Structures are given as structure tokens and as C-alpha cells.
Amino acid sequence: MHEKTIGRPEREPFEALVDVLATADRYDFLLWIVPAAFAVALVVATVASVSVSQALIVAAAIGVLVIVDACYLNPPIDQGST
């Protein structure tokens, strides 16, 4: 048995994903870089002959650079203010 929502047309999951990605801006993608850097660092530490602490230091440096870029070098600007 399937329930239908009242007043909402049914959408496919792929269309919903496309809509979400279309509305994402630069800062949303920058926020995804930080956990992705740590995930990549853990995979590299597991596969390659790199220690976990070295890989995590590199991931932390990437995270700091991303946050500095997003907050200080290219901060969000309110379009409504003058």
C-alpha cells in the first residue's frame, strides 16, 4: 500500500537530487570539502604507506584553508544590504 501526499505531485528521487544540487551554492560545496578531505586521508592512510597522523594533519590543513577562504578571503555578502 502506498500513501500519496495531498497537494504534492510525486517526484522521482533523481529529480529531487538535481533540484537540491542546483540550489547549492559555493559555500555548501566548501562545507563538503572538509569531511571529504578527512575521508580521503583515512583511505590514503589505509592503502598507502602513510601514517594516520600524517594524513590527518594534511586533511586538517585542507580544512583550515577551506574555512579561511570561506570566512575571511571570500565571505558571503548579503545582497540586500547597501
Protein backbone atom coordinates (compact mmCIF):
# COMPACT_ATOMS: atom_id res chain seq x y z
CA MET A 1 0.00 0.00 0.00
CA HIS A 2 1.39 3.39 -1.00
CA GLU A 3 0.47 6.66 0.60
CA LYS A 4 0.09 9.75 -1.52
CA THR A 5 0.70 13.16 -0.09
CA ILE A 6 -2.10 15.63 -0.51
CA GLY A 7 -1.34 18.62 -2.71
CA ARG A 8 2.15 17.50 -3.71
CA PRO A 9 2.92 15.95 -7.05
CA GLU A 10 5.05 12.85 -6.82
CA ARG A 11 8.68 13.40 -7.82
CA GLU A 12 11.35 10.92 -8.69
CA PRO A 13 14.36 10.77 -6.35
CA PHE A 14 16.76 11.75 -9.14
CA GLU A 15 14.77 14.90 -9.86
CA ALA A 16 14.80 15.81 -6.18
CA LEU A 17 18.57 15.33 -6.07
CA VAL A 18 19.04 17.54 -9.13
CA ASP A 19 16.90 20.24 -7.53
CA VAL A 20 18.93 20.15 -4.32
CA LEU A 21 22.25 20.29 -6.17
CA ALA A 22 21.00 23.13 -8.36
CA THR A 23 20.21 25.26 -5.31
CA ALA A 24 23.54 24.54 -3.60
CA ASP A 25 25.99 27.40 -3.71
CA ARG A 26 29.74 27.75 -3.28
CA TYR A 27 29.62 27.61 0.50
CA ASP A 28 27.65 24.38 0.53
CA PHE A 29 30.33 22.74 -1.59
CA LEU A 30 33.09 24.19 0.59
CA LEU A 31 31.47 22.64 3.65
CA TRP A 32 31.52 19.25 1.94
CA ILE A 33 35.25 19.53 1.24
CA VAL A 34 36.18 19.32 4.93
CA PRO A 35 34.72 15.86 5.71
CA ALA A 36 35.72 14.64 2.26
CA ALA A 37 39.33 15.59 2.98
CA PHE A 38 39.27 13.55 6.19
CA ALA A 39 37.66 10.58 4.44
CA VAL A 40 40.27 10.67 1.68
CA ALA A 41 43.02 10.98 4.28
CA LEU A 42 41.84 7.87 6.09
CA VAL A 43 41.63 5.91 2.84
CA VAL A 44 45.11 7.04 1.80
CA ALA A 45 46.49 6.13 5.24
CA THR A 46 44.97 2.68 4.94
CA VAL A 47 46.07 1.98 1.37
CA ALA A 48 49.42 3.76 1.12
CA SER A 49 52.37 3.64 3.47
CA VAL A 50 51.42 6.91 5.15
CA SER A 51 50.77 7.13 8.86
CA VAL A 52 47.32 8.11 10.01
CA SER A 53 48.61 11.15 11.87
CA GLN A 54 50.38 12.49 8.77
CA ALA A 55 47.28 12.01 6.65
CA LEU A 56 45.06 13.68 9.25
CA ILE A 57 47.43 16.65 9.53
CA VAL A 58 47.13 17.19 5.77
CA ALA A 59 43.33 16.86 5.98
CA ALA A 60 43.21 19.35 8.88
CA ALA A 61 45.33 21.81 6.89
CA ILE A 62 42.94 21.50 3.95
CA GLY A 63 40.01 22.08 6.29
CA VAL A 64 41.63 25.19 7.77
CA LEU A 65 42.35 26.59 4.31
CA VAL A 66 38.77 25.99 3.20
CA ILE A 67 37.34 27.68 6.30
CA VAL A 68 39.73 30.64 5.99
CA ASP A 69 38.76 31.03 2.34
CA ALA A 70 35.03 30.80 3.05
CA CYS A 71 35.00 33.08 6.10
CA TYR A 72 37.76 35.63 5.55
CA LEU A 73 39.02 35.72 1.97
CA ASN A 74 35.65 35.34 0.19
CA PRO A 75 32.96 35.83 2.86
CA PRO A 76 29.28 35.63 1.99
CA ILE A 77 27.84 39.00 1.05
CA ASP A 78 24.27 39.99 1.83
CA GLN A 79 22.76 41.04 -1.47
CA GLY A 80 20.08 43.16 0.20
CA SER A 81 22.42 45.46 2.14
CA THR A 82 23.97 48.60 0.71
